[in-house]
PDB file of all heavy atoms in Angstrom:
ATOM      1  N   PRO A   1      33.495  37.773  38.955  1.00  0.00           N
ATOM      2  CA  PRO A   1      33.260  37.086  40.224  1.00  0.00           C
ATOM      3  C   PRO A   1      34.513  36.552  40.909  1.00  0.00           C
ATOM      4  O   PRO A   1      34.546  36.436  42.126  1.00  0.00           O
ATOM      5  CB  PRO A   1      32.326  35.939  39.813  1.00  0.00           C
ATOM      6  CG  PRO A   1      31.601  36.472  38.630  1.00  0.00           C
ATOM      7  CD  PRO A   1      32.593  37.314  37.890  1.00  0.00           C
ATOM      8  N   CYS A   2      35.555  36.245  40.146  1.00  0.00           N
ATOM      9  CA  CYS A   2      36.774  35.692  40.739  1.00  0.00           C
ATOM     10  C   CYS A   2      37.736  36.780  41.232  1.00  0.00           C
ATOM     11  O   CYS A   2      38.773  36.483  41.826  1.00  0.00           O
ATOM     12  CB  CYS A   2      37.496  34.797  39.738  1.00  0.00           C
ATOM     13  SG  CYS A   2      37.998  35.657  38.236  1.00  0.00           S
ATOM     14  N   THR A   3      37.407  38.050  40.972  1.00  0.00           N
ATOM     15  CA  THR A   3      38.302  39.146  41.330  1.00  0.00           C
ATOM     16  C   THR A   3      38.198  39.477  42.814  1.00  0.00           C
ATOM     17  O   THR A   3      37.109  39.660  43.346  1.00  0.00           O
ATOM     18  CB  THR A   3      37.965  40.411  40.513  1.00  0.00           C
ATOM     19  OG1 THR A   3      38.012  40.095  39.126  1.00  0.00           O
ATOM     20  CG2 THR A   3      38.967  41.513  40.798  1.00  0.00           C
ATOM     21  N   LEU A   4      39.344  39.544  43.480  1.00  0.00           N
ATOM     22  CA  LEU A   4      39.357  39.874  44.903  1.00  0.00           C
ATOM     23  C   LEU A   4      39.525  41.378  45.074  1.00  0.00           C
ATOM     24  O   LEU A   4      40.633  41.909  45.058  1.00  0.00           O
ATOM     25  CB  LEU A   4      40.490  39.116  45.612  1.00  0.00           C
ATOM     26  CG  LEU A   4      40.373  37.592  45.594  1.00  0.00           C
ATOM     27  CD1 LEU A   4      41.599  36.967  46.267  1.00  0.00           C
ATOM     28  CD2 LEU A   4      39.109  37.141  46.310  1.00  0.00           C
ATOM     29  N   ILE A   5      38.420  42.075  45.210  1.00  0.00           N
ATOM     30  CA  ILE A   5      38.414  43.521  45.388  1.00  0.00           C
ATOM     31  C   ILE A   5      37.507  43.850  46.565  1.00  0.00           C
ATOM     32  O   ILE A   5      36.418  43.283  46.704  1.00  0.00           O
ATOM     33  CB  ILE A   5      37.909  44.241  44.121  1.00  0.00           C
ATOM     34  CG1 ILE A   5      38.841  43.936  42.942  1.00  0.00           C
ATOM     35  CG2 ILE A   5      37.815  45.739  44.339  1.00  0.00           C
ATOM     36  CD1 ILE A   5      38.389  44.544  41.646  1.00  0.00           C
ATOM     37  N   HIS A   6      37.927  44.745  47.410  1.00  0.00           N
ATOM     38  CA  HIS A   6      37.113  45.088  48.576  1.00  0.00           C
ATOM     39  C   HIS A   6      35.790  45.700  48.130  1.00  0.00           C
ATOM     40  O   HIS A   6      35.752  46.511  47.190  1.00  0.00           O
ATOM     41  CB  HIS A   6      37.866  46.079  49.469  1.00  0.00           C
ATOM     42  CG  HIS A   6      37.236  46.253  50.805  1.00  0.00           C
ATOM     43  ND1 HIS A   6      36.206  47.145  51.019  1.00  0.00           N
ATOM     44  CD2 HIS A   6      37.460  45.636  51.985  1.00  0.00           C
ATOM     45  CE1 HIS A   6      35.827  47.072  52.277  1.00  0.00           C
ATOM     46  NE2 HIS A   6      36.573  46.173  52.893  1.00  0.00           N
ATOM     47  N   PRO A   7      34.690  45.306  48.767  1.00  0.00           N
ATOM     48  CA  PRO A   7      33.366  45.784  48.351  1.00  0.00           C
ATOM     49  C   PRO A   7      33.232  47.295  48.273  1.00  0.00           C
ATOM     50  O   PRO A   7      32.415  47.802  47.506  1.00  0.00           O
ATOM     51  CB  PRO A   7      32.442  45.215  49.434  1.00  0.00           C
ATOM     52  CG  PRO A   7      33.164  44.022  49.944  1.00  0.00           C
ATOM     53  CD  PRO A   7      34.623  44.365  49.870  1.00  0.00           C
ATOM     54  N   SER A   8      34.013  48.035  49.069  1.00  0.00           N
ATOM     55  CA  SER A   8      33.872  49.497  49.060  1.00  0.00           C
ATOM     56  C   SER A   8      34.156  50.094  47.696  1.00  0.00           C
ATOM     57  O   SER A   8      33.760  51.220  47.412  1.00  0.00           O
ATOM     58  CB  SER A   8      34.807  50.118  50.108  1.00  0.00           C
ATOM     59  OG  SER A   8      36.169  49.861  49.799  1.00  0.00           O
ATOM     60  N   TYR A   9      34.829  49.343  46.813  1.00  0.00           N
ATOM     61  CA  TYR A   9      35.157  49.876  45.495  1.00  0.00           C
ATOM     62  C   TYR A   9      33.988  49.819  44.525  1.00  0.00           C
ATOM     63  O   TYR A   9      34.005  50.515  43.521  1.00  0.00           O
ATOM     64  CB  TYR A   9      36.339  49.113  44.892  1.00  0.00           C
ATOM     65  CG  TYR A   9      37.649  49.428  45.558  1.00  0.00           C
ATOM     66  CD1 TYR A   9      38.240  48.528  46.448  1.00  0.00           C
ATOM     67  CD2 TYR A   9      38.323  50.626  45.320  1.00  0.00           C
ATOM     68  CE1 TYR A   9      39.453  48.808  47.067  1.00  0.00           C
ATOM     69  CE2 TYR A   9      39.534  50.928  45.941  1.00  0.00           C
ATOM     70  CZ  TYR A   9      40.084  50.015  46.811  1.00  0.00           C
ATOM     71  OH  TYR A   9      41.278  50.292  47.435  1.00  0.00           O
ATOM     72  N   TYR A  10      32.969  48.991  44.824  1.00  0.00           N
ATOM     73  CA  TYR A  10      31.908  48.904  43.827  1.00  0.00           C
ATOM     74  C   TYR A  10      30.499  49.131  44.352  1.00  0.00           C
ATOM     75  O   TYR A  10      29.580  49.307  43.568  1.00  0.00           O
ATOM     76  CB  TYR A  10      31.970  47.579  43.059  1.00  0.00           C
ATOM     77  CG  TYR A  10      32.102  46.325  43.880  1.00  0.00           C
ATOM     78  CD1 TYR A  10      31.059  45.829  44.635  1.00  0.00           C
ATOM     79  CD2 TYR A  10      33.298  45.618  43.867  1.00  0.00           C
ATOM     80  CE1 TYR A  10      31.196  44.663  45.364  1.00  0.00           C
ATOM     81  CE2 TYR A  10      33.442  44.463  44.607  1.00  0.00           C
ATOM     82  CZ  TYR A  10      32.393  43.984  45.346  1.00  0.00           C
ATOM     83  OH  TYR A  10      32.536  42.825  46.068  1.00  0.00           O
ATOM     84  N   TYR A  11      30.267  49.134  45.652  1.00  0.00           N
ATOM     85  CA  TYR A  11      28.938  49.443  46.156  1.00  0.00           C
ATOM     86  C   TYR A  11      28.725  50.957  46.199  1.00  0.00           C
ATOM     87  O   TYR A  11      29.581  51.697  46.654  1.00  0.00           O
ATOM     88  CB  TYR A  11      28.725  48.859  47.548  1.00  0.00           C
ATOM     89  CG  TYR A  11      28.685  47.352  47.570  1.00  0.00           C
ATOM     90  CD1 TYR A  11      29.315  46.627  48.578  1.00  0.00           C
ATOM     91  CD2 TYR A  11      28.017  46.639  46.573  1.00  0.00           C
ATOM     92  CE1 TYR A  11      29.275  45.244  48.594  1.00  0.00           C
ATOM     93  CE2 TYR A  11      27.988  45.268  46.578  1.00  0.00           C
ATOM     94  CZ  TYR A  11      28.603  44.563  47.589  1.00  0.00           C
ATOM     95  OH  TYR A  11      28.571  43.203  47.601  1.00  0.00           O
ATOM     96  N   THR A  12      27.571  51.386  45.718  1.00  0.00           N
ATOM     97  CA  THR A  12      27.255  52.805  45.707  1.00  0.00           C
ATOM     98  C   THR A  12      26.666  53.230  47.057  1.00  0.00           C
ATOM     99  O   THR A  12      26.229  52.399  47.855  1.00  0.00           O
ATOM    100  CB  THR A  12      26.240  53.113  44.604  1.00  0.00           C
ATOM    101  OG1 THR A  12      24.998  52.446  44.927  1.00  0.00           O
ATOM    102  CG2 THR A  12      26.738  52.625  43.248  1.00  0.00           C
ATOM    103  N   ASP A  13      26.612  54.537  47.281  1.00  0.00           N
ATOM    104  CA  ASP A  13      25.989  55.051  48.506  1.00  0.00           C
ATOM    105  C   ASP A  13      24.527  54.621  48.585  1.00  0.00           C
ATOM    106  O   ASP A  13      24.015  54.301  49.668  1.00  0.00           O
ATOM    107  CB  ASP A  13      26.093  56.576  48.551  1.00  0.00           C
ATOM    108  CG  ASP A  13      27.512  57.060  48.795  1.00  0.00           C
ATOM    109  OD1 ASP A  13      28.332  56.249  49.278  1.00  0.00           O
ATOM    110  OD2 ASP A  13      27.791  58.240  48.514  1.00  0.00           O
ATOM    111  N   GLU A  14      23.860  54.609  47.450  1.00  0.00           N
ATOM    112  CA  GLU A  14      22.452  54.210  47.418  1.00  0.00           C
ATOM    113  C   GLU A  14      22.293  52.754  47.866  1.00  0.00           C
ATOM    114  O   GLU A  14      21.381  52.433  48.639  1.00  0.00           O
ATOM    115  CB  GLU A  14      21.891  54.379  45.998  1.00  0.00           C
ATOM    116  CG  GLU A  14      20.418  54.005  45.893  1.00  0.00           C
ATOM    117  CD  GLU A  14      19.908  54.093  44.470  1.00  0.00           C
ATOM    118  OE1 GLU A  14      20.730  54.290  43.547  1.00  0.00           O
ATOM    119  OE2 GLU A  14      18.692  53.957  44.282  1.00  0.00           O
ATOM    120  N   GLU A  15      23.196  51.894  47.416  1.00  0.00           N
ATOM    121  CA  GLU A  15      23.121  50.491  47.814  1.00  0.00           C
ATOM    122  C   GLU A  15      23.385  50.320  49.303  1.00  0.00           C
ATOM    123  O   GLU A  15      22.721  49.523  49.985  1.00  0.00           O
ATOM    124  CB  GLU A  15      24.117  49.662  47.002  1.00  0.00           C
ATOM    125  CG  GLU A  15      23.707  49.473  45.558  1.00  0.00           C
ATOM    126  CD  GLU A  15      24.806  48.831  44.736  1.00  0.00           C
ATOM    127  OE1 GLU A  15      25.914  49.412  44.654  1.00  0.00           O
ATOM    128  OE2 GLU A  15      24.570  47.749  44.180  1.00  0.00           O
ATOM    129  N   ARG A  16      24.343  51.039  49.812  1.00  0.00           N
ATOM    130  CA  ARG A  16      24.648  50.941  51.249  1.00  0.00           C
ATOM    131  C   ARG A  16      23.454  51.421  52.084  1.00  0.00           C
ATOM    132  O   ARG A  16      23.121  50.821  53.109  1.00  0.00           O
ATOM    133  CB  ARG A  16      25.894  51.763  51.583  1.00  0.00           C
ATOM    134  CG  ARG A  16      27.181  51.226  50.970  1.00  0.00           C
ATOM    135  CD  ARG A  16      28.395  51.937  51.564  1.00  0.00           C
ATOM    136  NE  ARG A  16      29.603  51.597  50.844  1.00  0.00           N
ATOM    137  CZ  ARG A  16      30.126  52.311  49.854  1.00  0.00           C
ATOM    138  NH1 ARG A  16      29.529  53.433  49.465  1.00  0.00           N
ATOM    139  NH2 ARG A  16      31.231  51.936  49.245  1.00  0.00           N
ATOM    140  N   LYS A  17      22.830  52.513  51.657  1.00  0.00           N
ATOM    141  CA  LYS A  17      21.662  53.026  52.377  1.00  0.00           C
ATOM    142  C   LYS A  17      20.510  52.025  52.327  1.00  0.00           C
ATOM    143  O   LYS A  17      19.799  51.828  53.318  1.00  0.00           O
ATOM    144  CB  LYS A  17      21.228  54.366  51.774  1.00  0.00           C
ATOM    145  CG  LYS A  17      22.185  55.517  52.066  1.00  0.00           C
ATOM    146  CD  LYS A  17      21.723  56.792  51.370  1.00  0.00           C
ATOM    147  CE  LYS A  17      22.702  57.936  51.624  1.00  0.00           C
ATOM    148  NZ  LYS A  17      22.309  59.165  50.892  1.00  0.00           N
ATOM    149  N   GLU A  18      20.332  51.397  51.174  1.00  0.00           N
ATOM    150  CA  GLU A  18      19.274  50.403  51.035  1.00  0.00           C
ATOM    151  C   GLU A  18      19.516  49.227  51.978  1.00  0.00           C
ATOM    152  O   GLU A  18      18.602  48.739  52.646  1.00  0.00           O
ATOM    153  CB  GLU A  18      19.198  49.908  49.583  1.00  0.00           C
ATOM    154  CG  GLU A  18      18.177  48.819  49.324  1.00  0.00           C
ATOM    155  CD  GLU A  18      16.750  49.336  49.294  1.00  0.00           C
ATOM    156  OE1 GLU A  18      16.540  50.553  49.408  1.00  0.00           O
ATOM    157  OE2 GLU A  18      15.843  48.498  49.159  1.00  0.00           O
ATOM    158  N   PHE A  19      20.765  48.799  52.054  1.00  0.00           N
ATOM    159  CA  PHE A  19      21.091  47.679  52.933  1.00  0.00           C
ATOM    160  C   PHE A  19      20.875  48.050  54.400  1.00  0.00           C
ATOM    161  O   PHE A  19      20.338  47.262  55.182  1.00  0.00           O
ATOM    162  CB  PHE A  19      22.525  47.210  52.722  1.00  0.00           C
ATOM    163  CG  PHE A  19      22.895  46.032  53.592  1.00  0.00           C
ATOM    164  CD1 PHE A  19      22.399  44.767  53.308  1.00  0.00           C
ATOM    165  CD2 PHE A  19      23.702  46.194  54.702  1.00  0.00           C
ATOM    166  CE1 PHE A  19      22.713  43.685  54.113  1.00  0.00           C
ATOM    167  CE2 PHE A  19      24.023  45.120  55.516  1.00  0.00           C
ATOM    168  CZ  PHE A  19      23.527  43.854  55.218  1.00  0.00           C
ATOM    169  N   GLN A  20      21.285  49.237  54.774  1.00  0.00           N
ATOM    170  CA  GLN A  20      21.095  49.676  56.161  1.00  0.00           C
ATOM    171  C   GLN A  20      19.605  49.748  56.507  1.00  0.00           C
ATOM    172  O   GLN A  20      19.201  49.440  57.631  1.00  0.00           O
ATOM    173  CB  GLN A  20      21.758  51.034  56.388  1.00  0.00           C
ATOM    174  CG  GLN A  20      23.277  50.994  56.401  1.00  0.00           C
ATOM    175  CD  GLN A  20      23.827  50.055  57.468  1.00  0.00           C
ATOM    176  OE1 GLN A  20      23.349  50.030  58.605  1.00  0.00           O
ATOM    177  NE2 GLN A  20      24.828  49.269  57.105  1.00  0.00           N
ATOM    178  N   LYS A  21      18.805  50.125  55.523  1.00  0.00           N
ATOM    179  CA  LYS A  21      17.360  50.232  55.735  1.00  0.00           C
ATOM    180  C   LYS A  21      16.729  48.866  55.972  1.00  0.00           C
ATOM    181  O   LYS A  21      15.832  48.714  56.798  1.00  0.00           O
ATOM    182  CB  LYS A  21      16.711  50.911  54.523  1.00  0.00           C
ATOM    183  CG  LYS A  21      15.220  51.155  54.667  1.00  0.00           C
ATOM    184  CD  LYS A  21      14.663  51.912  53.485  1.00  0.00           C
ATOM    185  CE  LYS A  21      14.618  51.051  52.239  1.00  0.00           C
ATOM    186  NZ  LYS A  21      13.915  51.725  51.119  1.00  0.00           N
ATOM    187  N   LEU A  22      17.209  47.857  55.242  1.00  0.00           N
ATOM    188  CA  LEU A  22      16.577  46.539  55.321  1.00  0.00           C
ATOM    189  C   LEU A  22      17.208  45.614  56.352  1.00  0.00           C
ATOM    190  O   LEU A  22      16.594  44.619  56.753  1.00  0.00           O
ATOM    191  CB  LEU A  22      16.603  45.856  53.953  1.00  0.00           C
ATOM    192  CG  LEU A  22      17.950  45.369  53.387  1.00  0.00           C
ATOM    193  CD1 LEU A  22      18.316  43.984  53.895  1.00  0.00           C
ATOM    194  CD2 LEU A  22      17.884  45.338  51.861  1.00  0.00           C
ATOM    195  N   LYS A  23      18.426  45.912  56.803  1.00  0.00           N
ATOM    196  CA  LYS A  23      19.203  44.964  57.608  1.00  0.00           C
ATOM    197  C   LYS A  23      18.457  44.487  58.850  1.00  0.00           C
ATOM    198  O   LYS A  23      18.393  43.290  59.131  1.00  0.00           O
ATOM    199  CB  LYS A  23      20.543  45.589  57.990  1.00  0.00           C
ATOM    200  CG  LYS A  23      21.461  44.634  58.738  1.00  0.00           C
ATOM    201  CD  LYS A  23      22.884  45.181  58.821  1.00  0.00           C
ATOM    202  CE  LYS A  23      22.979  46.481  59.579  1.00  0.00           C
ATOM    203  NZ  LYS A  23      24.394  46.897  59.818  1.00  0.00           N
ATOM    204  N   SER A  24      17.908  45.426  59.602  1.00  0.00           N
ATOM    205  CA  SER A  24      17.236  45.062  60.840  1.00  0.00           C
ATOM    206  C   SER A  24      16.012  44.187  60.572  1.00  0.00           C
ATOM    207  O   SER A  24      15.805  43.159  61.225  1.00  0.00           O
ATOM    208  CB  SER A  24      16.825  46.330  61.596  1.00  0.00           C
ATOM    209  OG  SER A  24      16.085  46.012  62.748  1.00  0.00           O
TER     210      SER A  24
END
């Protein structure tokens, strides 16, 4: 949790799609 790493390094395509689906 204390590591400063850009989210693109650990979110999967499936997670991004899920977020886009629910965001609205």
